Amino acid sequence: MSDAEIPTDVTIHAVLHQVAAQENIHYVLIGHSFRTEGVVPKTWTYMDGKYIDSVHKIFSGKRLQSLPRLTLSRLLYYWFVKKIHSIPLLNYIPYDKAIAATILEKELGWRNYGGHHHESLYTVFFQSYYLPKKFGIDKRILALSARVRSGSSAEKMRWSK
């Protein structure tokens, strides 16, 4: 499956919206930036909680109950009933990933994990080996092309093999 990372992303957004609803918070700040991460082609991924449900049912024969998922109907409920909106903050402010990394390193002791979305061993394996070898998908292209489109040539992207 070329989208085996999707359950994590869908669950993170589902939990953010659940907590916002419980705490009566109307805005959820999202750290995705189309300027630095780009847009994923439809053939590379599919982000819907119902899709996760269907894949789980096919392979387990059971209904998925324990994993929070953000389906379209649930998202519409959060938008229109709970009045919760996701704000991709980095799309609205001047943002330079290299400058942000420098500040995080100096002020918080953060260490760069060496690649785009290499925050866990699973994502390193999945994005750097499995996707390119099995499906010909190299997600570094998304980030690099986003930076080229936005004119962000100051940042040098690390192209590790």
C-alpha atoms as a PDB file:
ATOM      1  CA  MET A   1       0.000   0.000   0.000  1.00  0.00           C
ATOM      2  CA  SER A   2       1.388   3.374  -0.954  1.00  0.00           C
ATOM      3  CA  ASP A   3      -0.619   5.132   1.736  1.00  0.00           C
ATOM      4  CA  ALA A   4       0.200   3.076   4.832  1.00  0.00           C
ATOM      5  CA  GLU A   5       1.062   6.282   6.735  1.00  0.00           C
ATOM      6  CA  ILE A   6      -2.427   7.743   6.326  1.00  0.00           C
ATOM      7  CA  PRO A   7      -3.942   6.297   9.533  1.00  0.00           C
ATOM      8  CA  THR A   8      -1.480   8.340  11.600  1.00  0.00           C
ATOM      9  CA  ASP A   9      -2.318  11.620   9.831  1.00  0.00           C
ATOM     10  CA  VAL A  10      -6.077  11.016   9.936  1.00  0.00           C
ATOM     11  CA  THR A  11      -5.931  10.056  13.622  1.00  0.00           C
ATOM     12  CA  ILE A  12      -3.901  13.129  14.584  1.00  0.00           C
ATOM     13  CA  HIS A  13      -6.482  15.414  12.950  1.00  0.00           C
ATOM     14  CA  ALA A  14      -9.372  13.450  14.466  1.00  0.00           C
ATOM     15  CA  VAL A  15      -7.941  13.795  17.975  1.00  0.00           C
ATOM     16  CA  LEU A  16      -7.223  17.513  17.479  1.00  0.00           C
ATOM     17  CA  HIS A  17     -10.858  18.074  16.518  1.00  0.00           C
ATOM     18  CA  GLN A  18     -12.196  15.868  19.346  1.00  0.00           C
ATOM     19  CA  VAL A  19     -10.223  17.777  21.962  1.00  0.00           C
ATOM     20  CA  ALA A  20     -11.214  21.130  20.445  1.00  0.00           C
ATOM     21  CA  ALA A  21     -14.889  20.084  20.638  1.00  0.00           C
ATOM     22  CA  GLN A  22     -14.520  18.890  24.252  1.00  0.00           C
ATOM     23  CA  GLU A  23     -12.772  22.098  25.302  1.00  0.00           C
ATOM     24  CA  ASN A  24     -15.036  24.402  23.234  1.00  0.00           C
ATOM     25  CA  ILE A  25     -12.087  25.612  21.138  1.00  0.00           C
ATOM     26  CA  HIS A  26     -13.042  26.953  17.706  1.00  0.00           C
ATOM     27  CA  TYR A  27      -9.690  27.061  15.946  1.00  0.00           C
ATOM     28  CA  VAL A  28      -7.115  24.322  15.398  1.00  0.00           C
ATOM     29  CA  LEU A  29      -3.734  25.501  14.130  1.00  0.00           C
ATOM     30  CA  ILE A  30      -2.206  23.197  11.527  1.00  0.00           C
ATOM     31  CA  GLY A  31       1.522  23.241  10.713  1.00  0.00           C
ATOM     32  CA  HIS A  32       1.245  22.170   7.065  1.00  0.00           C
ATOM     33  CA  SER A  33       2.541  24.708   4.575  1.00  0.00           C
ATOM     34  CA  PHE A  34       1.917  24.414   0.855  1.00  0.00           C
ATOM     35  CA  ARG A  35       4.980  26.637   0.369  1.00  0.00           C
ATOM     36  CA  THR A  36       7.345  24.079   1.946  1.00  0.00           C
ATOM     37  CA  GLU A  37       5.464  20.797   1.566  1.00  0.00           C
ATOM     38  CA  GLY A  38       3.496  21.209  -1.632  1.00  0.00           C
ATOM     39  CA  VAL A  39       0.392  19.373  -2.712  1.00  0.00           C
ATOM     40  CA  VAL A  40       0.222  15.593  -2.967  1.00  0.00           C
ATOM     41  CA  PRO A  41      -1.065  14.103  -6.248  1.00  0.00           C
ATOM     42  CA  LYS A  42      -4.365  12.220  -5.785  1.00  0.00           C
ATOM     43  CA  THR A  43      -2.775   9.005  -7.001  1.00  0.00           C
ATOM     44  CA  TRP A  44      -0.231   9.068  -4.148  1.00  0.00           C
ATOM     45  CA  THR A  45      -2.545   9.151  -1.159  1.00  0.00           C
ATOM     46  CA  TYR A  46      -6.128   9.234   0.057  1.00  0.00           C
ATOM     47  CA  MET A  47      -6.997  10.967   3.337  1.00  0.00           C
ATOM     48  CA  ASP A  48     -10.369   9.776   4.599  1.00  0.00           C
ATOM     49  CA  GLY A  49     -11.365   7.940   7.752  1.00  0.00           C
ATOM     50  CA  LYS A  50     -13.898   5.804   5.844  1.00  0.00           C
ATOM     51  CA  TYR A  51     -11.098   4.543   3.619  1.00  0.00           C
ATOM     52  CA  ILE A  52      -9.195   3.414   6.715  1.00  0.00           C
ATOM     53  CA  ASP A  53     -12.363   1.686   7.957  1.00  0.00           C
ATOM     54  CA  SER A  54     -12.799  -0.175   4.682  1.00  0.00           C
ATOM     55  CA  VAL A  55      -9.168  -1.335   4.478  1.00  0.00           C
ATOM     56  CA  HIS A  56      -9.317  -2.540   8.085  1.00  0.00           C
ATOM     57  CA  LYS A  57     -12.558  -4.443   7.446  1.00  0.00           C
ATOM     58  CA  ILE A  58     -11.174  -6.095   4.304  1.00  0.00           C
ATOM     59  CA  PHE A  59      -8.070  -7.387   6.071  1.00  0.00           C
ATOM     60  CA  SER A  60      -9.481  -8.131   9.541  1.00  0.00           C
ATOM     61  CA  GLY A  61     -13.119  -8.928   8.832  1.00  0.00           C
ATOM     62  CA  LYS A  62     -14.039  -6.680  11.769  1.00  0.00           C
ATOM     63  CA  ARG A  63     -15.269  -3.138  12.215  1.00  0.00           C
ATOM     64  CA  LEU A  64     -12.599  -0.692  13.392  1.00  0.00           C
ATOM     65  CA  GLN A  65     -13.613   0.817  16.723  1.00  0.00           C
ATOM     66  CA  SER A  66     -10.589   1.927  18.730  1.00  0.00           C
ATOM     67  CA  LEU A  67      -8.874   4.346  16.310  1.00  0.00           C
ATOM     68  CA  PRO A  68     -10.229   7.907  16.063  1.00  0.00           C
ATOM     69  CA  ARG A  69     -10.840   8.816  12.416  1.00  0.00           C
ATOM     70  CA  LEU A  70     -11.829  12.042  10.737  1.00  0.00           C
ATOM     71  CA  THR A  71     -14.421  11.230   8.090  1.00  0.00           C
ATOM     72  CA  LEU A  72     -16.042  13.792   5.822  1.00  0.00           C
ATOM     73  CA  SER A  73     -19.305  13.638   7.786  1.00  0.00           C
ATOM     74  CA  ARG A  74     -17.433  14.110  11.078  1.00  0.00           C
ATOM     75  CA  LEU A  75     -15.472  17.042   9.612  1.00  0.00           C
ATOM     76  CA  LEU A  76     -18.715  18.678   8.463  1.00  0.00           C
ATOM     77  CA  TYR A  77     -20.117  18.177  11.982  1.00  0.00           C
ATOM     78  CA  TYR A  78     -17.079  19.899  13.474  1.00  0.00           C
ATOM     79  CA  TRP A  79     -17.316  22.753  10.953  1.00  0.00           C
ATOM     80  CA  PHE A  80     -21.033  23.486  11.042  1.00  0.00           C
ATOM     81  CA  VAL A  81     -22.225  22.271  14.449  1.00  0.00           C
ATOM     82  CA  LYS A  82     -19.184  22.778  16.646  1.00  0.00           C
ATOM     83  CA  LYS A  83     -17.849  25.727  14.584  1.00  0.00           C
ATOM     84  CA  ILE A  84     -14.292  24.351  14.618  1.00  0.00           C
ATOM     85  CA  HIS A  85     -11.997  25.464  11.825  1.00  0.00           C
ATOM     86  CA  SER A  86      -8.493  24.330  10.920  1.00  0.00           C
ATOM     87  CA  ILE A  87      -6.127  27.190  10.212  1.00  0.00           C
ATOM     88  CA  PRO A  88      -2.966  26.372   8.228  1.00  0.00           C
ATOM     89  CA  LEU A  89      -1.083  29.156  10.008  1.00  0.00           C
ATOM     90  CA  LEU A  90       2.142  28.846   8.002  1.00  0.00           C
ATOM     91  CA  ASN A  91       0.243  29.683   4.806  1.00  0.00           C
ATOM     92  CA  TYR A  92      -0.580  33.135   6.196  1.00  0.00           C
ATOM     93  CA  ILE A  93       2.701  34.271   7.718  1.00  0.00           C
ATOM     94  CA  PRO A  94       6.213  34.705   6.357  1.00  0.00           C
ATOM     95  CA  TYR A  95       7.820  31.345   7.076  1.00  0.00           C
ATOM     96  CA  ASP A  96      11.286  30.058   6.290  1.00  0.00           C
ATOM     97  CA  LYS A  97      11.887  26.469   7.330  1.00  0.00           C
ATOM     98  CA  ALA A  98      15.673  26.942   7.659  1.00  0.00           C
ATOM     99  CA  ILE A  99      15.276  29.962   9.950  1.00  0.00           C
ATOM    100  CA  ALA A 100      12.677  28.110  12.027  1.00  0.00           C
ATOM    101  CA  ALA A 101      15.053  25.126  12.380  1.00  0.00           C
ATOM    102  CA  THR A 102      17.881  27.411  13.527  1.00  0.00           C
ATOM    103  CA  ILE A 103      15.661  29.024  16.166  1.00  0.00           C
ATOM    104  CA  LEU A 104      14.425  25.628  17.393  1.00  0.00           C
ATOM    105  CA  GLU A 105      18.002  24.335  17.628  1.00  0.00           C
ATOM    106  CA  LYS A 106      19.328  27.377  19.508  1.00  0.00           C
ATOM    107  CA  GLU A 107      16.407  28.108  21.825  1.00  0.00           C
ATOM    108  CA  LEU A 108      14.956  24.643  22.476  1.00  0.00           C
ATOM    109  CA  GLY A 109      17.822  22.243  21.787  1.00  0.00           C
ATOM    110  CA  TRP A 110      15.923  20.601  18.924  1.00  0.00           C
ATOM    111  CA  ARG A 111      17.962  18.316  16.671  1.00  0.00           C
ATOM    112  CA  ASN A 112      17.291  17.943  12.991  1.00  0.00           C
ATOM    113  CA  TYR A 113      16.376  14.342  12.246  1.00  0.00           C
ATOM    114  CA  GLY A 114      18.033  14.462   8.849  1.00  0.00           C
ATOM    115  CA  GLY A 115      15.290  14.426   6.261  1.00  0.00           C
ATOM    116  CA  HIS A 116      11.834  15.609   5.311  1.00  0.00           C
ATOM    117  CA  HIS A 117       9.348  13.723   7.507  1.00  0.00           C
ATOM    118  CA  HIS A 118      12.031  11.529   9.051  1.00  0.00           C
ATOM    119  CA  GLU A 119      10.649  11.960  12.551  1.00  0.00           C
ATOM    120  CA  SER A 120      10.416   8.208  13.176  1.00  0.00           C
ATOM    121  CA  LEU A 121      12.168   5.075  11.952  1.00  0.00           C
ATOM    122  CA  TYR A 122       8.925   4.020  10.294  1.00  0.00           C
ATOM    123  CA  THR A 123       8.659   7.208   8.224  1.00  0.00           C
ATOM    124  CA  VAL A 124      12.356   7.036   7.311  1.00  0.00           C
ATOM    125  CA  PHE A 125      11.890   3.495   5.997  1.00  0.00           C
ATOM    126  CA  PHE A 126       8.521   4.178   4.404  1.00  0.00           C
ATOM    127  CA  GLN A 127       9.345   7.446   2.640  1.00  0.00           C
ATOM    128  CA  SER A 128      13.013   6.874   1.826  1.00  0.00           C
ATOM    129  CA  TYR A 129      12.967   3.233   0.843  1.00  0.00           C
ATOM    130  CA  TYR A 130       9.549   1.591   0.508  1.00  0.00           C
ATOM    131  CA  LEU A 131       7.672   4.272  -1.451  1.00  0.00           C
ATOM    132  CA  PRO A 132      10.460   4.957  -3.983  1.00  0.00           C
ATOM    133  CA  LYS A 133      11.361   1.264  -4.479  1.00  0.00           C
ATOM    134  CA  LYS A 134       7.864  -0.229  -4.575  1.00  0.00           C
ATOM    135  CA  PHE A 135       5.789   2.587  -6.084  1.00  0.00           C
ATOM    136  CA  GLY A 136       8.264   5.060  -7.612  1.00  0.00           C
ATOM    137  CA  ILE A 137       6.998   7.758  -5.228  1.00  0.00           C
ATOM    138  CA  ASP A 138       9.636  10.191  -3.955  1.00  0.00           C
ATOM    139  CA  LYS A 139       7.943  12.667  -1.616  1.00  0.00           C
ATOM    140  CA  ARG A 140      11.044  14.860  -1.542  1.00  0.00           C
ATOM    141  CA  ILE A 141       9.906  16.043  -4.988  1.00  0.00           C
ATOM    142  CA  LEU A 142       6.804  17.607  -3.377  1.00  0.00           C
ATOM    143  CA  ALA A 143       8.803  19.680  -0.910  1.00  0.00           C
ATOM    144  CA  LEU A 144      11.433  20.723  -3.429  1.00  0.00           C
ATOM    145  CA  SER A 145       8.911  21.701  -6.098  1.00  0.00           C
ATOM    146  CA  ALA A 146       6.899  23.650  -3.492  1.00  0.00           C
ATOM    147  CA  ARG A 147       9.989  25.636  -2.588  1.00  0.00           C
ATOM    148  CA  VAL A 148      10.813  26.282  -6.243  1.00  0.00           C
ATOM    149  CA  ARG A 149       7.226  27.472  -6.937  1.00  0.00           C
ATOM    150  CA  SER A 150       7.297  29.788  -3.931  1.00  0.00           C
ATOM    151  CA  GLY A 151      10.746  31.180  -4.753  1.00  0.00           C
ATOM    152  CA  SER A 152      12.300  29.823  -1.574  1.00  0.00           C
ATOM    153  CA  SER A 153      15.730  29.095  -2.978  1.00  0.00           C
ATOM    154  CA  ALA A 154      17.592  30.034   0.205  1.00  0.00           C
ATOM    155  CA  GLU A 155      16.929  26.693   1.835  1.00  0.00           C
ATOM    156  CA  LYS A 156      19.026  23.787   0.655  1.00  0.00           C
ATOM    157  CA  MET A 157      17.075  20.580   0.734  1.00  0.00           C
ATOM    158  CA  ARG A 158      18.925  17.535   1.970  1.00  0.00           C
ATOM    159  CA  TRP A 159      18.770  14.792  -0.627  1.00  0.00           C
ATOM    160  CA  SER A 160      19.819  11.689   1.262  1.00  0.00           C
ATOM    161  CA  LYS A 161      19.573   8.303  -0.409  1.00  0.00           C
END
